[in-house]
Amino acid sequence: MKRVCELFGRTCNRDSISYISSLINELLDEPVAVIDKELNHRYIEWKTYDFFTLVQPVEMGGDFIILRINPEYLTITQTFVVNPYLEF
């Protein structure tokens, strides 16, 4: 966590951990919705997909932030978004 705090230009304390956690939670709260589309030969009437999932809570003494990236989100972005921010 010390290194993560340094990346944000902050000292590693509870306020910094709270700030970083809020940034991660903001990303988690922005799923993409797929409505009336076919993906991988499967019809999707309506479903949301998250970019990643936080595997364990962000902690002060933790050494890592463990995230699980959702490959379906990447496929959806590549397939349906005209100009995705991410290059694949």
PDB file of N, CA and C in Angstrom:
ATOM      1  N   MET A   1       0.817  -1.199   0.000  1.00  0.00           N
ATOM      2  CA  MET A   1       0.000   0.000   0.000  1.00  0.00           C
ATOM      3  C   MET A   1       0.857   1.258   0.000  1.00  0.00           C
ATOM      4  N   LYS A   2       2.028   1.142   0.588  1.00  0.00           N
ATOM      5  CA  LYS A   2       2.903   2.316   0.608  1.00  0.00           C
ATOM      6  C   LYS A   2       3.194   2.786  -0.821  1.00  0.00           C
ATOM      7  N   ARG A   3       3.494   1.844  -1.701  1.00  0.00           N
ATOM      8  CA  ARG A   3       3.805   2.193  -3.089  1.00  0.00           C
ATOM      9  C   ARG A   3       2.584   2.784  -3.798  1.00  0.00           C
ATOM     10  N   VAL A   4       1.397   2.225  -3.547  1.00  0.00           N
ATOM     11  CA  VAL A   4       0.173   2.742  -4.154  1.00  0.00           C
ATOM     12  C   VAL A   4      -0.063   4.174  -3.695  1.00  0.00           C
ATOM     13  N   CYS A   5       0.123   4.422  -2.417  1.00  0.00           N
ATOM     14  CA  CYS A   5      -0.039   5.793  -1.896  1.00  0.00           C
ATOM     15  C   CYS A   5       0.952   6.745  -2.560  1.00  0.00           C
ATOM     16  N   GLU A   6       2.177   6.281  -2.750  1.00  0.00           N
ATOM     17  CA  GLU A   6       3.191   7.106  -3.409  1.00  0.00           C
ATOM     18  C   GLU A   6       2.782   7.445  -4.840  1.00  0.00           C
ATOM     19  N   LEU A   7       2.160   6.485  -5.531  1.00  0.00           N
ATOM     20  CA  LEU A   7       1.705   6.736  -6.903  1.00  0.00           C
ATOM     21  C   LEU A   7       0.694   7.870  -6.962  1.00  0.00           C
ATOM     22  N   PHE A   8      -0.066   8.037  -5.878  1.00  0.00           N
ATOM     23  CA  PHE A   8      -1.051   9.121  -5.798  1.00  0.00           C
ATOM     24  C   PHE A   8      -0.471  10.356  -5.116  1.00  0.00           C
ATOM     25  N   GLY A   9       0.814  10.329  -4.784  1.00  0.00           N
ATOM     26  CA  GLY A   9       1.459  11.472  -4.154  1.00  0.00           C
ATOM     27  C   GLY A   9       0.985  11.721  -2.730  1.00  0.00           C
ATOM     28  N   ARG A  10       0.666  10.642  -2.028  1.00  0.00           N
ATOM     29  CA  ARG A  10       0.142  10.750  -0.667  1.00  0.00           C
ATOM     30  C   ARG A  10       1.004   9.946   0.292  1.00  0.00           C
ATOM     31  N   THR A  11       1.014  10.388   1.535  1.00  0.00           N
ATOM     32  CA  THR A  11       1.644   9.577   2.568  1.00  0.00           C
ATOM     33  C   THR A  11       0.693   8.440   2.914  1.00  0.00           C
ATOM     34  N   CYS A  12       1.255   7.332   3.359  1.00  0.00           N
ATOM     35  CA  CYS A  12       0.438   6.145   3.637  1.00  0.00           C
ATOM     36  C   CYS A  12      -0.169   6.260   5.034  1.00  0.00           C
ATOM     37  N   ASN A  13      -1.425   6.657   5.086  1.00  0.00           N
ATOM     38  CA  ASN A  13      -2.161   6.724   6.345  1.00  0.00           C
ATOM     39  C   ASN A  13      -3.614   6.337   6.084  1.00  0.00           C
ATOM     40  N   ARG A  14      -4.416   6.343   7.114  1.00  0.00           N
ATOM     41  CA  ARG A  14      -5.810   5.891   6.968  1.00  0.00           C
ATOM     42  C   ARG A  14      -6.603   6.761   5.978  1.00  0.00           C
ATOM     43  N   ASP A  15      -6.333   8.059   5.955  1.00  0.00           N
ATOM     44  CA  ASP A  15      -7.029   8.945   5.011  1.00  0.00           C
ATOM     45  C   ASP A  15      -6.677   8.593   3.564  1.00  0.00           C
ATOM     46  N   SER A  16      -5.419   8.290   3.327  1.00  0.00           N
ATOM     47  CA  SER A  16      -4.995   7.917   1.972  1.00  0.00           C
ATOM     48  C   SER A  16      -5.618   6.596   1.548  1.00  0.00           C
ATOM     49  N   ILE A  17      -5.658   5.635   2.453  1.00  0.00           N
ATOM     50  CA  ILE A  17      -6.270   4.342   2.152  1.00  0.00           C
ATOM     51  C   ILE A  17      -7.754   4.536   1.848  1.00  0.00           C
ATOM     52  N   SER A  18      -8.408   5.382   2.616  1.00  0.00           N
ATOM     53  CA  SER A  18      -9.823   5.677   2.387  1.00  0.00           C
ATOM     54  C   SER A  18     -10.023   6.318   1.010  1.00  0.00           C
ATOM     55  N   TYR A  19      -9.141   7.239   0.647  1.00  0.00           N
ATOM     56  CA  TYR A  19      -9.206   7.912  -0.647  1.00  0.00           C
ATOM     57  C   TYR A  19      -9.036   6.903  -1.786  1.00  0.00           C
ATOM     58  N   ILE A  20      -8.041   6.046  -1.693  1.00  0.00           N
ATOM     59  CA  ILE A  20      -7.777   5.044  -2.723  1.00  0.00           C
ATOM     60  C   ILE A  20      -8.948   4.064  -2.812  1.00  0.00           C
ATOM     61  N   SER A  21      -9.487   3.669  -1.673  1.00  0.00           N
ATOM     62  CA  SER A  21     -10.650   2.776  -1.661  1.00  0.00           C
ATOM     63  C   SER A  21     -11.837   3.426  -2.359  1.00  0.00           C
ATOM     64  N   SER A  22     -12.030   4.722  -2.141  1.00  0.00           N
ATOM     65  CA  SER A  22     -13.154   5.404  -2.784  1.00  0.00           C
ATOM     66  C   SER A  22     -12.973   5.459  -4.297  1.00  0.00           C
ATOM     67  N   LEU A  23     -11.737   5.616  -4.771  1.00  0.00           N
ATOM     68  CA  LEU A  23     -11.479   5.601  -6.211  1.00  0.00           C
ATOM     69  C   LEU A  23     -11.794   4.229  -6.808  1.00  0.00           C
ATOM     70  N   ILE A  24     -11.376   3.186  -6.114  1.00  0.00           N
ATOM     71  CA  ILE A  24     -11.652   1.822  -6.586  1.00  0.00           C
ATOM     72  C   ILE A  24     -13.148   1.569  -6.590  1.00  0.00           C
ATOM     73  N   ASN A  25     -13.832   1.968  -5.536  1.00  0.00           N
ATOM     74  CA  ASN A  25     -15.282   1.769  -5.468  1.00  0.00           C
ATOM     75  C   ASN A  25     -16.010   2.549  -6.557  1.00  0.00           C
ATOM     76  N   GLU A  26     -15.489   3.720  -6.913  1.00  0.00           N
ATOM     77  CA  GLU A  26     -16.101   4.500  -7.989  1.00  0.00           C
ATOM     78  C   GLU A  26     -16.008   3.739  -9.308  1.00  0.00           C
ATOM     79  N   LEU A  27     -14.871   3.101  -9.553  1.00  0.00           N
ATOM     80  CA  LEU A  27     -14.729   2.282 -10.754  1.00  0.00           C
ATOM     81  C   LEU A  27     -15.660   1.077 -10.719  1.00  0.00           C
ATOM     82  N   LEU A  28     -15.807   0.483  -9.531  1.00  0.00           N
ATOM     83  CA  LEU A  28     -16.685  -0.683  -9.395  1.00  0.00           C
ATOM     84  C   LEU A  28     -18.139  -0.314  -9.618  1.00  0.00           C
ATOM     85  N   ASP A  29     -18.494   0.934  -9.374  1.00  0.00           N
ATOM     86  CA  ASP A  29     -19.878   1.381  -9.523  1.00  0.00           C
ATOM     87  C   ASP A  29     -20.217   1.805 -10.945  1.00  0.00           C
ATOM     88  N   GLU A  30     -19.320   1.595 -11.898  1.00  0.00           N
ATOM     89  CA  GLU A  30     -19.551   2.012 -13.283  1.00  0.00           C
ATOM     90  C   GLU A  30     -19.554   0.809 -14.221  1.00  0.00           C
ATOM     91  N   PRO A  31     -20.538  -0.064 -14.098  1.00  0.00           N
ATOM     92  CA  PRO A  31     -20.587  -1.205 -15.019  1.00  0.00           C
ATOM     93  C   PRO A  31     -21.077  -0.772 -16.401  1.00  0.00           C
ATOM     94  N   VAL A  32     -20.909  -1.647 -17.354  1.00  0.00           N
ATOM     95  CA  VAL A  32     -21.432  -1.423 -18.696  1.00  0.00           C
ATOM     96  C   VAL A  32     -22.649  -2.335 -18.854  1.00  0.00           C
ATOM     97  N   ALA A  33     -23.689  -1.821 -19.481  1.00  0.00           N
ATOM     98  CA  ALA A  33     -24.908  -2.598 -19.691  1.00  0.00           C
ATOM     99  C   ALA A  33     -24.978  -3.056 -21.146  1.00  0.00           C
ATOM    100  N   VAL A  34     -25.370  -4.292 -21.331  1.00  0.00           N
ATOM    101  CA  VAL A  34     -25.579  -4.846 -22.663  1.00  0.00           C
ATOM    102  C   VAL A  34     -27.068  -5.162 -22.785  1.00  0.00           C
ATOM    103  N   ILE A  35     -27.694  -4.595 -23.804  1.00  0.00           N
ATOM    104  CA  ILE A  35     -29.132  -4.767 -24.001  1.00  0.00           C
ATOM    105  C   ILE A  35     -29.381  -5.209 -25.441  1.00  0.00           C
ATOM    106  N   ASP A  36     -30.093  -6.319 -25.576  1.00  0.00           N
ATOM    107  CA  ASP A  36     -30.541  -6.802 -26.882  1.00  0.00           C
ATOM    108  C   ASP A  36     -29.380  -6.976 -27.865  1.00  0.00           C
ATOM    109  N   LYS A  37     -28.359  -7.718 -27.455  1.00  0.00           N
ATOM    110  CA  LYS A  37     -27.189  -7.969 -28.300  1.00  0.00           C
ATOM    111  C   LYS A  37     -26.855  -9.459 -28.294  1.00  0.00           C
ATOM    112  N   GLU A  38     -26.109  -9.874 -29.294  1.00  0.00           N
ATOM    113  CA  GLU A  38     -25.599 -11.228 -29.324  1.00  0.00           C
ATOM    114  C   GLU A  38     -24.092 -11.178 -29.120  1.00  0.00           C
ATOM    115  N   LEU A  39     -23.602 -12.002 -28.220  1.00  0.00           N
ATOM    116  CA  LEU A  39     -22.178 -12.038 -27.900  1.00  0.00           C
ATOM    117  C   LEU A  39     -21.757 -13.492 -27.772  1.00  0.00           C
ATOM    118  N   ASN A  40     -20.760 -13.872 -28.545  1.00  0.00           N
ATOM    119  CA  ASN A  40     -20.265 -15.252 -28.534  1.00  0.00           C
ATOM    120  C   ASN A  40     -21.399 -16.254 -28.785  1.00  0.00           C
ATOM    121  N   HIS A  41     -22.225 -15.961 -29.781  1.00  0.00           N
ATOM    122  CA  HIS A  41     -23.348 -16.823 -30.180  1.00  0.00           C
ATOM    123  C   HIS A  41     -24.375 -17.004 -29.069  1.00  0.00           C
ATOM    124  N   ARG A  42     -24.488 -16.017 -28.216  1.00  0.00           N
ATOM    125  CA  ARG A  42     -25.432 -16.063 -27.094  1.00  0.00           C
ATOM    126  C   ARG A  42     -26.179 -14.735 -27.050  1.00  0.00           C
ATOM    127  N   TYR A  43     -27.504 -14.814 -27.019  1.00  0.00           N
ATOM    128  CA  TYR A  43     -28.330 -13.613 -26.977  1.00  0.00           C
ATOM    129  C   TYR A  43     -28.392 -13.074 -25.546  1.00  0.00           C
ATOM    130  N   ILE A  44     -28.150 -11.778 -25.404  1.00  0.00           N
ATOM    131  CA  ILE A  44     -28.213 -11.125 -24.098  1.00  0.00           C
ATOM    132  C   ILE A  44     -29.368 -10.133 -24.142  1.00  0.00           C
ATOM    133  N   GLU A  45     -30.399 -10.419 -23.378  1.00  0.00           N
ATOM    134  CA  GLU A  45     -31.547  -9.526 -23.327  1.00  0.00           C
ATOM    135  C   GLU A  45     -31.189  -8.257 -22.554  1.00  0.00           C
ATOM    136  N   TRP A  46     -30.606  -8.449 -21.363  1.00  0.00           N
ATOM    137  CA  TRP A  46     -30.162  -7.313 -20.540  1.00  0.00           C
ATOM    138  C   TRP A  46     -29.253  -7.849 -19.450  1.00  0.00           C
ATOM    139  N   LYS A  47     -28.039  -7.302 -19.373  1.00  0.00           N
ATOM    140  CA  LYS A  47     -27.091  -7.737 -18.341  1.00  0.00           C
ATOM    141  C   LYS A  47     -26.040  -6.659 -18.166  1.00  0.00           C
ATOM    142  N   THR A  48     -25.553  -6.502 -16.925  1.00  0.00           N
ATOM    143  CA  THR A  48     -24.465  -5.561 -16.670  1.00  0.00           C
ATOM    144  C   THR A  48     -23.175  -6.326 -16.422  1.00  0.00           C
ATOM    145  N   TYR A  49     -22.069  -5.695 -16.773  1.00  0.00           N
ATOM    146  CA  TYR A  49     -20.744  -6.285 -16.596  1.00  0.00           C
ATOM    147  C   TYR A  49     -19.845  -5.259 -15.922  1.00  0.00           C
ATOM    148  N   ASP A  50     -19.127  -5.700 -14.914  1.00  0.00           N
ATOM    149  CA  ASP A  50     -18.149  -4.851 -14.232  1.00  0.00           C
ATOM    150  C   ASP A  50     -16.787  -5.035 -14.872  1.00  0.00           C
ATOM    151  N   PHE A  51     -15.994  -3.973 -14.878  1.00  0.00           N
ATOM    152  CA  PHE A  51     -14.637  -4.040 -15.421  1.00  0.00           C
ATOM    153  C   PHE A  51     -13.777  -4.971 -14.574  1.00  0.00           C
ATOM    154  N   PHE A  52     -13.833  -4.781 -13.259  1.00  0.00           N
ATOM    155  CA  PHE A  52     -13.096  -5.681 -12.382  1.00  0.00           C
ATOM    156  C   PHE A  52     -13.807  -5.816 -11.051  1.00  0.00           C
ATOM    157  N   THR A  53     -13.381  -6.811 -10.293  1.00  0.00           N
ATOM    158  CA  THR A  53     -13.922  -7.071  -8.971  1.00  0.00           C
ATOM    159  C   THR A  53     -12.790  -6.956  -7.964  1.00  0.00           C
ATOM    160  N   LEU A  54     -13.052  -6.298  -6.873  1.00  0.00           N
ATOM    161  CA  LEU A  54     -12.074  -6.205  -5.790  1.00  0.00           C
ATOM    162  C   LEU A  54     -12.111  -7.532  -5.033  1.00  0.00           C
ATOM    163  N   VAL A  55     -10.991  -8.268  -5.022  1.00  0.00           N
ATOM    164  CA  VAL A  55     -10.952  -9.609  -4.442  1.00  0.00           C
ATOM    165  C   VAL A  55     -10.901  -9.564  -2.922  1.00  0.00           C
ATOM    166  N   GLN A  56     -10.180  -8.589  -2.388  1.00  0.00           N
ATOM    167  CA  GLN A  56     -10.115  -8.441  -0.934  1.00  0.00           C
ATOM    168  C   GLN A  56     -10.121  -6.958  -0.595  1.00  0.00           C
ATOM    169  N   PRO A  57     -10.590  -6.612   0.599  1.00  0.00           N
ATOM    170  CA  PRO A  57     -10.658  -5.186   0.963  1.00  0.00           C
ATOM    171  C   PRO A  57      -9.267  -4.535   0.975  1.00  0.00           C
ATOM    172  N   VAL A  58      -9.247  -3.248   0.653  1.00  0.00           N
ATOM    173  CA  VAL A  58      -8.004  -2.477   0.710  1.00  0.00           C
ATOM    174  C   VAL A  58      -7.733  -2.177   2.179  1.00  0.00           C
ATOM    175  N   GLU A  59      -6.549  -2.573   2.644  1.00  0.00           N
ATOM    176  CA  GLU A  59      -6.210  -2.425   4.054  1.00  0.00           C
ATOM    177  C   GLU A  59      -4.918  -1.645   4.223  1.00  0.00           C
ATOM    178  N   MET A  60      -4.801  -1.004   5.356  1.00  0.00           N
ATOM    179  CA  MET A  60      -3.632  -0.192   5.674  1.00  0.00           C
ATOM    180  C   MET A  60      -2.347  -1.026   5.633  1.00  0.00           C
ATOM    181  N   GLY A  61      -2.350  -2.188   6.248  1.00  0.00           N
ATOM    182  CA  GLY A  61      -1.141  -3.001   6.313  1.00  0.00           C
ATOM    183  C   GLY A  61      -0.985  -3.946   5.145  1.00  0.00           C
ATOM    184  N   GLY A  62      -1.896  -3.888   4.185  1.00  0.00           N
ATOM    185  CA  GLY A  62      -1.847  -4.813   3.059  1.00  0.00           C
ATOM    186  C   GLY A  62      -0.682  -4.505   2.128  1.00  0.00           C
ATOM    187  N   ASP A  63      -0.208  -5.554   1.483  1.00  0.00           N
ATOM    188  CA  ASP A  63       0.894  -5.401   0.541  1.00  0.00           C
ATOM    189  C   ASP A  63       0.416  -5.232  -0.895  1.00  0.00           C
ATOM    190  N   PHE A  64      -0.836  -5.634  -1.162  1.00  0.00           N
ATOM    191  CA  PHE A  64      -1.337  -5.643  -2.527  1.00  0.00           C
ATOM    192  C   PHE A  64      -2.788  -5.180  -2.587  1.00  0.00           C
ATOM    193  N   ILE A  65      -3.175  -4.714  -3.755  1.00  0.00           N
ATOM    194  CA  ILE A  65      -4.586  -4.538  -4.087  1.00  0.00           C
ATOM    195  C   ILE A  65      -4.853  -5.606  -5.136  1.00  0.00           C
ATOM    196  N   ILE A  66      -5.702  -6.554  -4.803  1.00  0.00           N
ATOM    197  CA  ILE A  66      -5.958  -7.665  -5.709  1.00  0.00           C
ATOM    198  C   ILE A  66      -7.294  -7.443  -6.404  1.00  0.00           C
ATOM    199  N   LEU A  67      -7.217  -7.351  -7.727  1.00  0.00           N
ATOM    200  CA  LEU A  67      -8.392  -7.124  -8.566  1.00  0.00           C
ATOM    201  C   LEU A  67      -8.520  -8.275  -9.552  1.00  0.00           C
ATOM    202  N   ARG A  68      -9.744  -8.653  -9.864  1.00  0.00           N
ATOM    203  CA  ARG A  68      -9.999  -9.657 -10.891  1.00  0.00           C
ATOM    204  C   ARG A  68     -10.637  -8.947 -12.070  1.00  0.00           C
ATOM    205  N   ILE A  69      -9.934  -8.923 -13.194  1.00  0.00           N
ATOM    206  CA  ILE A  69     -10.443  -8.273 -14.399  1.00  0.00           C
ATOM    207  C   ILE A  69     -11.421  -9.220 -15.084  1.00  0.00           C
ATOM    208  N   ASN A  70     -12.542  -8.670 -15.538  1.00  0.00           N
ATOM    209  CA  ASN A  70     -13.578  -9.442 -16.200  1.00  0.00           C
ATOM    210  C   ASN A  70     -13.302  -9.451 -17.705  1.00  0.00           C
ATOM    211  N   PRO A  71     -12.887 -10.589 -18.273  1.00  0.00           N
ATOM    212  CA  PRO A  71     -12.585 -10.618 -19.707  1.00  0.00           C
ATOM    213  C   PRO A  71     -13.821 -10.353 -20.583  1.00  0.00           C
ATOM    214  N   GLU A  72     -15.016 -10.659 -20.089  1.00  0.00           N
ATOM    215  CA  GLU A  72     -16.229 -10.365 -20.857  1.00  0.00           C
ATOM    216  C   GLU A  72     -16.395  -8.858 -21.046  1.00  0.00           C
ATOM    217  N   TYR A  73     -16.041  -8.068 -20.030  1.00  0.00           N
ATOM    218  CA  TYR A  73     -16.119  -6.604 -20.135  1.00  0.00           C
ATOM    219  C   TYR A  73     -15.218  -6.133 -21.279  1.00  0.00           C
ATOM    220  N   LEU A  74     -14.009  -6.687 -21.344  1.00  0.00           N
ATOM    221  CA  LEU A  74     -13.074  -6.295 -22.395  1.00  0.00           C
ATOM    222  C   LEU A  74     -13.623  -6.661 -23.771  1.00  0.00           C
ATOM    223  N   THR A  75     -14.203  -7.844 -23.882  1.00  0.00           N
ATOM    224  CA  THR A  75     -14.799  -8.273 -25.153  1.00  0.00           C
ATOM    225  C   THR A  75     -15.960  -7.368 -25.545  1.00  0.00           C
ATOM    226  N   ILE A  76     -16.804  -7.048 -24.585  1.00  0.00           N
ATOM    227  CA  ILE A  76     -17.956  -6.179 -24.849  1.00  0.00           C
ATOM    228  C   ILE A  76     -17.495  -4.801 -25.302  1.00  0.00           C
ATOM    229  N   THR A  77     -16.512  -4.261 -24.616  1.00  0.00           N
ATOM    230  CA  THR A  77     -15.999  -2.942 -24.983  1.00  0.00           C
ATOM    231  C   THR A  77     -15.430  -2.965 -26.395  1.00  0.00           C
ATOM    232  N   GLN A  78     -14.675  -3.990 -26.699  1.00  0.00           N
ATOM    233  CA  GLN A  78     -14.068  -4.101 -28.024  1.00  0.00           C
ATOM    234  C   GLN A  78     -15.120  -4.306 -29.107  1.00  0.00           C
ATOM    235  N   THR A  79     -16.167  -5.066 -28.813  1.00  0.00           N
ATOM    236  CA  THR A  79     -17.180  -5.411 -29.802  1.00  0.00           C
ATOM    237  C   THR A  79     -18.192  -4.305 -30.040  1.00  0.00           C
ATOM    238  N   PHE A  80     -18.663  -3.660 -28.973  1.00  0.00           N
ATOM    239  CA  PHE A  80     -19.799  -2.753 -29.091  1.00  0.00           C
ATOM    240  C   PHE A  80     -19.479  -1.265 -28.980  1.00  0.00           C
ATOM    241  N   VAL A  81     -18.327  -0.907 -28.471  1.00  0.00           N
ATOM    242  CA  VAL A  81     -17.997   0.505 -28.302  1.00  0.00           C
ATOM    243  C   VAL A  81     -17.260   0.983 -29.555  1.00  0.00           C
ATOM    244  N   VAL A  82     -17.737   2.058 -30.140  1.00  0.00           N
ATOM    245  CA  VAL A  82     -17.184   2.563 -31.390  1.00  0.00           C
ATOM    246  C   VAL A  82     -15.728   2.989 -31.220  1.00  0.00           C
ATOM    247  N   ASN A  83     -15.426   3.716 -30.165  1.00  0.00           N
ATOM    248  CA  ASN A  83     -14.073   4.197 -29.932  1.00  0.00           C
ATOM    249  C   ASN A  83     -13.693   3.958 -28.478  1.00  0.00           C
ATOM    250  N   PRO A  84     -13.350   2.728 -28.112  1.00  0.00           N
ATOM    251  CA  PRO A  84     -13.052   2.444 -26.712  1.00  0.00           C
ATOM    252  C   PRO A  84     -11.803   3.176 -26.244  1.00  0.00           C
ATOM    253  N   TYR A  85     -11.798   3.546 -24.980  1.00  0.00           N
ATOM    254  CA  TYR A  85     -10.627   4.205 -24.404  1.00  0.00           C
ATOM    255  C   TYR A  85      -9.463   3.223 -24.310  1.00  0.00           C
ATOM    256  N   LEU A  86      -9.770   1.956 -24.146  1.00  0.00           N
ATOM    257  CA  LEU A  86      -8.736   0.935 -24.040  1.00  0.00           C
ATOM    258  C   LEU A  86      -8.433   0.370 -25.417  1.00  0.00           C
ATOM    259  N   GLU A  87      -7.191   0.219 -25.727  1.00  0.00           N
ATOM    260  CA  GLU A  87      -6.792  -0.411 -26.999  1.00  0.00           C
ATOM    261  C   GLU A  87      -6.499  -1.869 -26.727  1.00  0.00           C
ATOM    262  N   PHE A  88      -7.029  -2.749 -27.553  1.00  0.00           N
ATOM    263  CA  PHE A  88      -6.847  -4.192 -27.343  1.00  0.00           C
ATOM    264  C   PHE A  88      -5.924  -4.760 -28.390  1.00  0.00           C
TER     265      PHE A  88
END
